[in-house]
PDB file of N, CA and C in Angstrom:
ATOM      1  N   MET A   1       0.779  -1.205   0.275  1.00  0.00           N
ATOM      2  CA  MET A   1       0.247  -0.221   0.100  1.00  0.00           C
ATOM      3  C   MET A   1       0.827   0.979  -0.231  1.00  0.00           C
ATOM      4  N   ILE A   2       0.523   2.340  -0.790  1.00  0.00           N
ATOM      5  CA  ILE A   2       1.124   3.271  -1.001  1.00  0.00           C
ATOM      6  C   ILE A   2       0.757   4.252   0.121  1.00  0.00           C
ATOM      7  N   HIS A   3       1.768   4.823   0.953  1.00  0.00           N
ATOM      8  CA  HIS A   3       0.870   5.891   1.695  1.00  0.00           C
ATOM      9  C   HIS A   3       1.277   7.501   1.498  1.00  0.00           C
ATOM     10  N   PRO A   4       0.138   7.989   1.546  1.00  0.00           N
ATOM     11  CA  PRO A   4       0.308   9.229   1.305  1.00  0.00           C
ATOM     12  C   PRO A   4       1.224  10.538   1.813  1.00  0.00           C
ATOM     13  N   GLU A   5       1.634  10.208   3.042  1.00  0.00           N
ATOM     14  CA  GLU A   5       2.464  10.831   3.467  1.00  0.00           C
ATOM     15  C   GLU A   5       4.382  11.128   2.507  1.00  0.00           C
ATOM     16  N   GLY A   6       4.157  10.361   1.505  1.00  0.00           N
ATOM     17  CA  GLY A   6       5.631   9.936   0.864  1.00  0.00           C
ATOM     18  C   GLY A   6       5.246  11.333  -0.444  1.00  0.00           C
ATOM     19  N   PHE A   7       3.980  11.688  -0.970  1.00  0.00           N
ATOM     20  CA  PHE A   7       3.680  12.558  -1.607  1.00  0.00           C
ATOM     21  C   PHE A   7       4.083  14.099  -1.510  1.00  0.00           C
ATOM     22  N   LYS A   8       4.955  14.879  -2.118  1.00  0.00           N
ATOM     23  CA  LYS A   8       4.377  16.434  -1.658  1.00  0.00           C
ATOM     24  C   LYS A   8       3.392  17.234  -1.859  1.00  0.00           C
ATOM     25  N   GLY A   9       3.602  17.664  -0.264  1.00  0.00           N
ATOM     26  CA  GLY A   9       2.679  18.761  -0.046  1.00  0.00           C
ATOM     27  C   GLY A   9       1.529  18.063   0.460  1.00  0.00           C
ATOM     28  N   PHE A  10       1.521  16.464   0.895  1.00  0.00           N
ATOM     29  CA  PHE A  10       0.037  15.846   1.639  1.00  0.00           C
ATOM     30  C   PHE A  10       0.359  16.043   2.728  1.00  0.00           C
ATOM     31  N   SER A  11      -0.916  16.420   3.233  1.00  0.00           N
ATOM     32  CA  SER A  11      -1.049  16.496   4.428  1.00  0.00           C
ATOM     33  C   SER A  11      -2.728  16.195   5.427  1.00  0.00           C
ATOM     34  N   TRP A  12      -2.575  15.267   6.120  1.00  0.00           N
ATOM     35  CA  TRP A  12      -3.962  14.493   6.331  1.00  0.00           C
ATOM     36  C   TRP A  12      -4.736  15.902   7.257  1.00  0.00           C
ATOM     37  N   ASN A  13      -4.177  16.742   7.758  1.00  0.00           N
ATOM     38  CA  ASN A  13      -4.927  17.751   8.465  1.00  0.00           C
ATOM     39  C   ASN A  13      -5.315  18.458   7.598  1.00  0.00           C
ATOM     40  N   ARG A  14      -4.813  19.033   6.298  1.00  0.00           N
ATOM     41  CA  ARG A  14      -5.448  19.622   5.456  1.00  0.00           C
ATOM     42  C   ARG A  14      -6.612  19.019   4.944  1.00  0.00           C
ATOM     43  N   VAL A  15      -6.475  18.103   4.572  1.00  0.00           N
ATOM     44  CA  VAL A  15      -7.478  17.194   3.548  1.00  0.00           C
ATOM     45  C   VAL A  15      -8.652  16.724   4.824  1.00  0.00           C
ATOM     46  N   VAL A  16      -8.517  16.536   6.102  1.00  0.00           N
ATOM     47  CA  VAL A  16      -9.688  16.158   6.827  1.00  0.00           C
ATOM     48  C   VAL A  16     -10.109  17.943   6.982  1.00  0.00           C
ATOM     49  N   SER A  17      -9.258  19.129   7.745  1.00  0.00           N
ATOM     50  CA  SER A  17      -9.778  20.535   7.645  1.00  0.00           C
ATOM     51  C   SER A  17     -10.969  20.347   6.381  1.00  0.00           C
ATOM     52  N   VAL A  18     -10.137  20.598   5.457  1.00  0.00           N
ATOM     53  CA  VAL A  18     -11.421  21.017   4.067  1.00  0.00           C
ATOM     54  C   VAL A  18     -12.474  20.126   4.039  1.00  0.00           C
ATOM     55  N   LEU A  19     -12.628  18.539   4.028  1.00  0.00           N
ATOM     56  CA  LEU A  19     -13.606  17.849   4.581  1.00  0.00           C
ATOM     57  C   LEU A  19     -14.626  18.092   5.116  1.00  0.00           C
ATOM     58  N   ASN A  20     -14.168  18.607   6.343  1.00  0.00           N
ATOM     59  CA  ASN A  20     -15.336  19.072   7.388  1.00  0.00           C
ATOM     60  C   ASN A  20     -16.132  20.310   7.125  1.00  0.00           C
ATOM     61  N   GLU A  21     -15.608  20.960   6.337  1.00  0.00           N
ATOM     62  CA  GLU A  21     -15.931  22.165   5.594  1.00  0.00           C
ATOM     63  C   GLU A  21     -17.383  21.902   5.099  1.00  0.00           C
ATOM     64  N   LEU A  22     -17.615  20.604   4.400  1.00  0.00           N
ATOM     65  CA  LEU A  22     -18.627  19.967   3.342  1.00  0.00           C
ATOM     66  C   LEU A  22     -19.506  19.265   4.408  1.00  0.00           C
ATOM     67  N   PRO A  23     -20.362  19.896   5.173  1.00  0.00           N
ATOM     68  CA  PRO A  23     -21.163  18.640   5.485  1.00  0.00           C
ATOM     69  C   PRO A  23     -22.648  18.844   5.126  1.00  0.00           C
ATOM     70  N   GLY A  24     -23.130  17.427   5.338  1.00  0.00           N
ATOM     71  CA  GLY A  24     -24.506  17.440   4.921  1.00  0.00           C
ATOM     72  C   GLY A  24     -24.160  15.336   4.897  1.00  0.00           C
ATOM     73  N   GLY A  25     -25.486  14.930   5.113  1.00  0.00           N
ATOM     74  CA  GLY A  25     -25.838  13.076   5.168  1.00  0.00           C
ATOM     75  C   GLY A  25     -24.935  12.929   6.085  1.00  0.00           C
ATOM     76  N   SER A  26     -24.927  11.373   5.883  1.00  0.00           N
ATOM     77  CA  SER A  26     -24.641  10.609   6.811  1.00  0.00           C
ATOM     78  C   SER A  26     -23.665   9.424   6.471  1.00  0.00           C
ATOM     79  N   VAL A  27     -23.249   8.542   7.008  1.00  0.00           N
ATOM     80  CA  VAL A  27     -22.443   7.203   6.799  1.00  0.00           C
ATOM     81  C   VAL A  27     -22.936   6.559   8.139  1.00  0.00           C
ATOM     82  N   ASP A  28     -24.001   5.618   7.754  1.00  0.00           N
ATOM     83  CA  ASP A  28     -24.491   4.639   9.304  1.00  0.00           C
ATOM     84  C   ASP A  28     -24.019   3.555   9.284  1.00  0.00           C
ATOM     85  N   LEU A  29     -23.411   2.706  10.339  1.00  0.00           N
ATOM     86  CA  LEU A  29     -23.005   1.410  10.456  1.00  0.00           C
ATOM     87  C   LEU A  29     -23.947   0.876  11.609  1.00  0.00           C
ATOM     88  N   LYS A  30     -23.728  -0.442  10.782  1.00  0.00           N
ATOM     89  CA  LYS A  30     -24.688  -1.545  12.173  1.00  0.00           C
ATOM     90  C   LYS A  30     -23.543  -2.325  11.640  1.00  0.00           C
ATOM     91  N   LEU A  31     -23.251  -3.258  12.637  1.00  0.00           N
ATOM     92  CA  LEU A  31     -22.508  -4.314  13.232  1.00  0.00           C
ATOM     93  C   LEU A  31     -23.693  -5.370  13.466  1.00  0.00           C
ATOM     94  N   ALA A  32     -23.386  -6.709  12.830  1.00  0.00           N
ATOM     95  CA  ALA A  32     -24.470  -7.899  13.523  1.00  0.00           C
ATOM     96  C   ALA A  32     -22.782  -8.553  13.591  1.00  0.00           C
ATOM     97  N   ASP A  33     -23.482 -10.013  14.125  1.00  0.00           N
ATOM     98  CA  ASP A  33     -22.235 -11.210  14.144  1.00  0.00           C
ATOM     99  C   ASP A  33     -21.791 -11.407  12.721  1.00  0.00           C
ATOM    100  N   GLU A  34     -21.997 -11.663  11.422  1.00  0.00           N
ATOM    101  CA  GLU A  34     -21.816 -11.840  10.660  1.00  0.00           C
ATOM    102  C   GLU A  34     -21.551 -10.850   9.507  1.00  0.00           C
ATOM    103  N   THR A  35     -22.512  -9.902   9.668  1.00  0.00           N
ATOM    104  CA  THR A  35     -22.668  -9.356   8.430  1.00  0.00           C
ATOM    105  C   THR A  35     -22.796  -7.330   8.900  1.00  0.00           C
ATOM    106  N   ALA A  36     -21.985  -6.853   8.358  1.00  0.00           N
ATOM    107  CA  ALA A  36     -21.746  -5.613   8.763  1.00  0.00           C
ATOM    108  C   ALA A  36     -22.768  -4.654   7.214  1.00  0.00           C
ATOM    109  N   HIS A  37     -23.524  -3.784   7.904  1.00  0.00           N
ATOM    110  CA  HIS A  37     -24.467  -2.709   6.620  1.00  0.00           C
ATOM    111  C   HIS A  37     -23.706  -1.788   6.647  1.00  0.00           C
ATOM    112  N   ILE A  38     -22.930  -0.510   5.712  1.00  0.00           N
ATOM    113  CA  ILE A  38     -22.889   0.633   5.749  1.00  0.00           C
ATOM    114  C   ILE A  38     -24.619   1.142   4.759  1.00  0.00           C
ATOM    115  N   LEU A  39     -24.494   2.406   5.528  1.00  0.00           N
ATOM    116  CA  LEU A  39     -25.838   2.822   5.150  1.00  0.00           C
ATOM    117  C   LEU A  39     -25.167   4.359   4.622  1.00  0.00           C
ATOM    118  N   LEU A  40     -25.429   5.382   3.128  1.00  0.00           N
ATOM    119  CA  LEU A  40     -25.272   6.289   2.716  1.00  0.00           C
ATOM    120  C   LEU A  40     -26.600   6.868   2.518  1.00  0.00           C
ATOM    121  N   ASN A  41     -26.368   8.038   3.673  1.00  0.00           N
ATOM    122  CA  ASN A  41     -27.971   8.477   3.973  1.00  0.00           C
ATOM    123  C   ASN A  41     -27.747   9.852   3.507  1.00  0.00           C
ATOM    124  N   ASN A  42     -28.050  10.290   2.475  1.00  0.00           N
ATOM    125  CA  ASN A  42     -28.231  11.462   1.922  1.00  0.00           C
ATOM    126  C   ASN A  42     -28.636  11.454   0.555  1.00  0.00           C
ATOM    127  N   PRO A  43     -30.269  11.456   1.073  1.00  0.00           N
ATOM    128  CA  PRO A  43     -31.092  10.956   0.086  1.00  0.00           C
ATOM    129  C   PRO A  43     -31.771  12.078  -0.585  1.00  0.00           C
ATOM    130  N   SER A  44     -31.762  13.146  -0.326  1.00  0.00           N
ATOM    131  CA  SER A  44     -32.215  14.433  -1.074  1.00  0.00           C
ATOM    132  C   SER A  44     -31.252  14.881  -2.002  1.00  0.00           C
ATOM    133  N   LYS A  45     -30.365  14.416  -2.125  1.00  0.00           N
ATOM    134  CA  LYS A  45     -28.870  14.816  -3.130  1.00  0.00           C
ATOM    135  C   LYS A  45     -28.381  13.200  -4.056  1.00  0.00           C
ATOM    136  N   LYS A  46     -29.607  12.225  -4.062  1.00  0.00           N
ATOM    137  CA  LYS A  46     -29.036  10.856  -4.289  1.00  0.00           C
ATOM    138  C   LYS A  46     -28.067  10.076  -3.636  1.00  0.00           C
ATOM    139  N   ASN A  47     -27.659  10.328  -2.628  1.00  0.00           N
ATOM    140  CA  ASN A  47     -26.574   9.688  -1.550  1.00  0.00           C
ATOM    141  C   ASN A  47     -25.102   9.976  -1.978  1.00  0.00           C
ATOM    142  N   ALA A  48     -25.300  11.380  -2.665  1.00  0.00           N
ATOM    143  CA  ALA A  48     -23.977  11.964  -3.489  1.00  0.00           C
ATOM    144  C   ALA A  48     -23.082  12.185  -1.983  1.00  0.00           C
ATOM    145  N   VAL A  49     -21.744  11.705  -2.339  1.00  0.00           N
ATOM    146  CA  VAL A  49     -20.968  11.474  -0.807  1.00  0.00           C
ATOM    147  C   VAL A  49     -20.221  12.921  -0.343  1.00  0.00           C
ATOM    148  N   THR A  50     -20.454  13.782   0.580  1.00  0.00           N
ATOM    149  CA  THR A  50     -20.015  14.934   1.656  1.00  0.00           C
ATOM    150  C   THR A  50     -18.723  14.720   1.621  1.00  0.00           C
ATOM    151  N   GLY A  51     -17.760  15.829   1.676  1.00  0.00           N
ATOM    152  CA  GLY A  51     -16.982  15.785   2.854  1.00  0.00           C
ATOM    153  C   GLY A  51     -16.921  14.905   4.033  1.00  0.00           C
ATOM    154  N   ALA A  52     -18.020  15.602   4.316  1.00  0.00           N
ATOM    155  CA  ALA A  52     -18.865  14.831   6.255  1.00  0.00           C
ATOM    156  C   ALA A  52     -18.735  12.956   5.831  1.00  0.00           C
ATOM    157  N   MET A  53     -19.474  13.185   4.829  1.00  0.00           N
ATOM    158  CA  MET A  53     -19.541  11.685   4.921  1.00  0.00           C
ATOM    159  C   MET A  53     -18.577  10.964   4.701  1.00  0.00           C
ATOM    160  N   MET A  54     -17.521  11.341   3.729  1.00  0.00           N
ATOM    161  CA  MET A  54     -16.052  10.617   3.473  1.00  0.00           C
ATOM    162  C   MET A  54     -15.410  10.467   4.555  1.00  0.00           C
ATOM    163  N   LEU A  55     -15.533  11.721   5.601  1.00  0.00           N
ATOM    164  CA  LEU A  55     -14.891  10.886   6.953  1.00  0.00           C
ATOM    165  C   LEU A  55     -15.264  10.033   7.626  1.00  0.00           C
ATOM    166  N   GLU A  56     -16.498  10.084   7.792  1.00  0.00           N
ATOM    167  CA  GLU A  56     -17.972   9.194   8.457  1.00  0.00           C
ATOM    168  C   GLU A  56     -17.357   7.438   7.376  1.00  0.00           C
ATOM    169  N   LEU A  57     -17.151   7.913   6.509  1.00  0.00           N
ATOM    170  CA  LEU A  57     -17.188   6.278   5.765  1.00  0.00           C
ATOM    171  C   LEU A  57     -15.775   5.943   6.046  1.00  0.00           C
ATOM    172  N   ARG A  58     -14.728   7.022   6.031  1.00  0.00           N
ATOM    173  CA  ARG A  58     -13.485   6.202   6.671  1.00  0.00           C
ATOM    174  C   ARG A  58     -13.363   5.602   7.952  1.00  0.00           C
ATOM    175  N   ARG A  59     -13.856   5.863   8.585  1.00  0.00           N
ATOM    176  CA  ARG A  59     -14.447   5.927  10.152  1.00  0.00           C
ATOM    177  C   ARG A  59     -15.199   4.059  10.211  1.00  0.00           C
ATOM    178  N   CYS A  60     -16.293   4.549   9.168  1.00  0.00           N
ATOM    179  CA  CYS A  60     -16.754   2.876   9.361  1.00  0.00           C
ATOM    180  C   CYS A  60     -15.733   1.845   8.458  1.00  0.00           C
ATOM    181  N   VAL A  61     -15.182   1.742   7.510  1.00  0.00           N
ATOM    182  CA  VAL A  61     -14.317   1.212   7.140  1.00  0.00           C
ATOM    183  C   VAL A  61     -13.014   0.454   8.688  1.00  0.00           C
ATOM    184  N   THR A  62     -12.755   1.885   9.146  1.00  0.00           N
ATOM    185  CA  THR A  62     -11.119   1.237   9.926  1.00  0.00           C
ATOM    186  C   THR A  62     -12.015   0.738  11.214  1.00  0.00           C
ATOM    187  N   GLU A  63     -13.587   0.774  11.774  1.00  0.00           N
ATOM    188  CA  GLU A  63     -14.208  -0.047  12.559  1.00  0.00           C
ATOM    189  C   GLU A  63     -14.657  -1.658  12.128  1.00  0.00           C
ATOM    190  N   ILE A  64     -14.637  -1.307  10.985  1.00  0.00           N
ATOM    191  CA  ILE A  64     -14.666  -3.335  10.605  1.00  0.00           C
ATOM    192  C   ILE A  64     -13.282  -3.701   9.986  1.00  0.00           C
ATOM    193  N   SER A  65     -12.669  -2.759   9.802  1.00  0.00           N
ATOM    194  CA  SER A  65     -10.945  -3.612   9.887  1.00  0.00           C
ATOM    195  C   SER A  65     -10.853  -4.384  11.009  1.00  0.00           C
ATOM    196  N   LYS A  66     -11.786  -3.620  12.336  1.00  0.00           N
ATOM    197  CA  LYS A  66     -11.196  -4.871  13.469  1.00  0.00           C
ATOM    198  C   LYS A  66     -12.429  -5.917  13.929  1.00  0.00           C
ATOM    199  N   TRP A  67     -13.352  -5.886  13.191  1.00  0.00           N
ATOM    200  CA  TRP A  67     -14.607  -6.705  12.918  1.00  0.00           C
ATOM    201  C   TRP A  67     -14.245  -7.902  12.551  1.00  0.00           C
ATOM    202  N   GLU A  68     -14.869  -9.106  13.278  1.00  0.00           N
ATOM    203  CA  GLU A  68     -14.272 -10.425  12.316  1.00  0.00           C
ATOM    204  C   GLU A  68     -15.641 -11.255  12.085  1.00  0.00           C
ATOM    205  N   GLY A  69     -16.338 -10.129  11.103  1.00  0.00           N
ATOM    206  CA  GLY A  69     -17.445 -10.765  10.581  1.00  0.00           C
ATOM    207  C   GLY A  69     -17.086 -11.307   9.235  1.00  0.00           C
ATOM    208  N   LYS A  70     -18.031 -11.691   8.296  1.00  0.00           N
ATOM    209  CA  LYS A  70     -17.684 -12.338   7.057  1.00  0.00           C
ATOM    210  C   LYS A  70     -18.509 -11.298   5.916  1.00  0.00           C
ATOM    211  N   ALA A  71     -19.615 -10.629   6.263  1.00  0.00           N
ATOM    212  CA  ALA A  71     -19.478  -9.924   4.546  1.00  0.00           C
ATOM    213  C   ALA A  71     -20.107  -7.981   4.764  1.00  0.00           C
ATOM    214  N   VAL A  72     -19.785  -7.308   4.278  1.00  0.00           N
ATOM    215  CA  VAL A  72     -20.476  -5.964   4.665  1.00  0.00           C
ATOM    216  C   VAL A  72     -21.040  -5.786   2.961  1.00  0.00           C
ATOM    217  N   VAL A  73     -22.365  -4.875   3.084  1.00  0.00           N
ATOM    218  CA  VAL A  73     -23.337  -4.719   2.444  1.00  0.00           C
ATOM    219  C   VAL A  73     -23.367  -3.352   2.533  1.00  0.00           C
ATOM    220  N   LEU A  74     -22.987  -2.334   1.417  1.00  0.00           N
ATOM    221  CA  LEU A  74     -23.175  -1.103   0.954  1.00  0.00           C
ATOM    222  C   LEU A  74     -24.305  -0.946   0.594  1.00  0.00           C
ATOM    223  N   SER A  75     -25.224   0.220   0.813  1.00  0.00           N
ATOM    224  CA  SER A  75     -26.104   0.601   0.239  1.00  0.00           C
ATOM    225  C   SER A  75     -26.931   2.421   0.812  1.00  0.00           C
ATOM    226  N   GLY A  76     -27.132   2.604  -0.129  1.00  0.00           N
ATOM    227  CA  GLY A  76     -28.098   3.962  -0.289  1.00  0.00           C
ATOM    228  C   GLY A  76     -29.306   4.383  -0.011  1.00  0.00           C
ATOM    229  N   ALA A  77     -29.717   4.908   1.011  1.00  0.00           N
ATOM    230  CA  ALA A  77     -30.845   5.337   0.988  1.00  0.00           C
ATOM    231  C   ALA A  77     -32.188   5.953   0.122  1.00  0.00           C
ATOM    232  N   GLY A  78     -33.052   5.748   0.397  1.00  0.00           N
ATOM    233  CA  GLY A  78     -34.356   6.060  -0.056  1.00  0.00           C
ATOM    234  C   GLY A  78     -34.004   5.757  -1.921  1.00  0.00           C
ATOM    235  N   GLY A  79     -33.750   4.100  -1.873  1.00  0.00           N
ATOM    236  CA  GLY A  79     -34.013   3.501  -3.054  1.00  0.00           C
ATOM    237  C   GLY A  79     -33.236   3.897  -4.467  1.00  0.00           C
ATOM    238  N   THR A  80     -32.030   4.627  -3.783  1.00  0.00           N
ATOM    239  CA  THR A  80     -30.862   5.378  -4.770  1.00  0.00           C
ATOM    240  C   THR A  80     -29.726   4.613  -4.050  1.00  0.00           C
ATOM    241  N   PHE A  81     -28.525   4.113  -5.279  1.00  0.00           N
ATOM    242  CA  PHE A  81     -27.210   3.433  -4.270  1.00  0.00           C
ATOM    243  C   PHE A  81     -26.647   5.064  -4.113  1.00  0.00           C
ATOM    244  N   CYS A  82     -25.662   5.488  -4.628  1.00  0.00           N
ATOM    245  CA  CYS A  82     -25.129   6.682  -4.585  1.00  0.00           C
ATOM    246  C   CYS A  82     -24.614   7.586  -6.056  1.00  0.00           C
ATOM    247  N   ALA A  83     -25.051   8.993  -6.139  1.00  0.00           N
ATOM    248  CA  ALA A  83     -24.840   9.451  -7.491  1.00  0.00           C
ATOM    249  C   ALA A  83     -23.369  10.213  -7.505  1.00  0.00           C
ATOM    250  N   GLY A  84     -22.662   8.995  -6.394  1.00  0.00           N
ATOM    251  CA  GLY A  84     -20.677   9.452  -6.772  1.00  0.00           C
ATOM    252  C   GLY A  84     -20.480  11.313  -5.871  1.00  0.00           C
ATOM    253  N   SER A  85     -19.725  12.038  -5.919  1.00  0.00           N
ATOM    254  CA  SER A  85     -19.189  13.101  -4.996  1.00  0.00           C
ATOM    255  C   SER A  85     -20.344  14.311  -5.147  1.00  0.00           C
ATOM    256  N   ASP A  86     -20.664  14.838  -3.880  1.00  0.00           N
ATOM    257  CA  ASP A  86     -21.310  15.930  -4.243  1.00  0.00           C
ATOM    258  C   ASP A  86     -20.532  17.167  -4.619  1.00  0.00           C
ATOM    259  N   LEU A  87     -20.902  17.513  -5.759  1.00  0.00           N
ATOM    260  CA  LEU A  87     -20.119  18.869  -6.549  1.00  0.00           C
ATOM    261  C   LEU A  87     -19.779  19.931  -5.792  1.00  0.00           C
ATOM    262  N   ASN A  88     -20.803  20.212  -5.196  1.00  0.00           N
ATOM    263  CA  ASN A  88     -19.887  21.029  -3.866  1.00  0.00           C
ATOM    264  C   ASN A  88     -18.431  20.701  -3.003  1.00  0.00           C
ATOM    265  N   ALA A  89     -17.835  19.416  -3.331  1.00  0.00           N
ATOM    266  CA  ALA A  89     -17.087  18.868  -2.869  1.00  0.00           C
ATOM    267  C   ALA A  89     -15.858  18.874  -3.720  1.00  0.00           C
ATOM    268  N   VAL A  90     -16.743  18.883  -4.988  1.00  0.00           N
ATOM    269  CA  VAL A  90     -15.804  18.372  -5.816  1.00  0.00           C
ATOM    270  C   VAL A  90     -15.435  19.705  -6.284  1.00  0.00           C
ATOM    271  N   ARG A  91     -15.758  20.782  -6.034  1.00  0.00           N
ATOM    272  CA  ARG A  91     -15.215  21.998  -6.135  1.00  0.00           C
ATOM    273  C   ARG A  91     -14.387  22.648  -5.430  1.00  0.00           C
ATOM    274  N   MET A  92     -14.507  22.363  -4.037  1.00  0.00           N
ATOM    275  CA  MET A  92     -13.341  22.571  -3.154  1.00  0.00           C
ATOM    276  C   MET A  92     -12.273  22.514  -3.309  1.00  0.00           C
ATOM    277  N   PHE A  93     -11.999  21.085  -4.411  1.00  0.00           N
ATOM    278  CA  PHE A  93     -10.733  20.613  -4.909  1.00  0.00           C
ATOM    279  C   PHE A  93     -10.785  20.937  -5.957  1.00  0.00           C
ATOM    280  N   GLY A  94     -10.683  22.024  -6.723  1.00  0.00           N
ATOM    281  CA  GLY A  94     -10.434  22.568  -7.684  1.00  0.00           C
ATOM    282  C   GLY A  94      -8.740  22.072  -8.414  1.00  0.00           C
ATOM    283  N   ASP A  95      -8.090  22.109  -7.610  1.00  0.00           N
ATOM    284  CA  ASP A  95      -6.762  21.896  -7.399  1.00  0.00           C
ATOM    285  C   ASP A  95      -6.201  21.124  -7.765  1.00  0.00           C
ATOM    286  N   PRO A  96      -5.707  20.290  -9.191  1.00  0.00           N
ATOM    287  CA  PRO A  96      -5.748  18.791  -9.033  1.00  0.00           C
ATOM    288  C   PRO A  96      -4.474  18.271  -7.996  1.00  0.00           C
ATOM    289  N   GLN A  97      -3.557  18.735  -7.590  1.00  0.00           N
ATOM    290  CA  GLN A  97      -2.927  18.398  -6.494  1.00  0.00           C
ATOM    291  C   GLN A  97      -4.007  18.025  -5.250  1.00  0.00           C
ATOM    292  N   GLU A  98      -4.970  18.937  -4.801  1.00  0.00           N
ATOM    293  CA  GLU A  98      -6.035  18.608  -4.016  1.00  0.00           C
ATOM    294  C   GLU A  98      -6.872  18.007  -3.745  1.00  0.00           C
ATOM    295  N   GLY A  99      -7.398  17.631  -5.009  1.00  0.00           N
ATOM    296  CA  GLY A  99      -7.668  16.240  -5.373  1.00  0.00           C
ATOM    297  C   GLY A  99      -7.423  14.798  -5.043  1.00  0.00           C
ATOM    298  N   LEU A 100      -6.036  15.195  -5.798  1.00  0.00           N
ATOM    299  CA  LEU A 100      -5.378  13.734  -5.563  1.00  0.00           C
ATOM    300  C   LEU A 100      -4.932  13.618  -4.183  1.00  0.00           C
ATOM    301  N   HIS A 101      -4.859  14.246  -3.381  1.00  0.00           N
ATOM    302  CA  HIS A 101      -4.617  14.117  -1.764  1.00  0.00           C
ATOM    303  C   HIS A 101      -6.282  13.408  -1.549  1.00  0.00           C
ATOM    304  N   VAL A 102      -7.368  13.867  -2.033  1.00  0.00           N
ATOM    305  CA  VAL A 102      -8.908  13.975  -1.300  1.00  0.00           C
ATOM    306  C   VAL A 102      -8.677  12.133  -1.813  1.00  0.00           C
ATOM    307  N   CYS A 103      -8.047  11.610  -2.785  1.00  0.00           N
ATOM    308  CA  CYS A 103      -8.418  10.090  -2.994  1.00  0.00           C
ATOM    309  C   CYS A 103      -7.164   9.587  -2.207  1.00  0.00           C
ATOM    310  N   MET A 104      -6.406  10.264  -1.859  1.00  0.00           N
ATOM    311  CA  MET A 104      -5.086   9.329  -0.723  1.00  0.00           C
ATOM    312  C   MET A 104      -5.943   9.395   0.243  1.00  0.00           C
ATOM    313  N   TYR A 105      -6.532  10.127   0.809  1.00  0.00           N
ATOM    314  CA  TYR A 105      -7.038   9.952   1.897  1.00  0.00           C
ATOM    315  C   TYR A 105      -8.327   8.772   1.803  1.00  0.00           C
ATOM    316  N   MET A 106      -8.822   8.614   1.087  1.00  0.00           N
ATOM    317  CA  MET A 106      -9.972   7.979   0.961  1.00  0.00           C
ATOM    318  C   MET A 106      -9.388   6.586   0.707  1.00  0.00           C
TER     319      MET A 106
END
């Protein structure tokens, strides 16, 4: 795995700071004995992922990495899976280098 710290100018704190400025939606995690369920919950935007949701998704993945279940189900609220990234989040990372840093964070 490539560690982002090796890339020029990458800063975890900078990425987290900018993602925190992009509120909206949630990522809900439910762990059962053998199955985990991650729900992208931003139905008014067809579950487009906001900065806050990126932070929550990373937290969920970290939590699941310590879990000993067998399956993970990823779904979206309101009958839509996920429209992609919220365009407001994309605009915040107009510089290609910052966009790369968000991708490395995720």
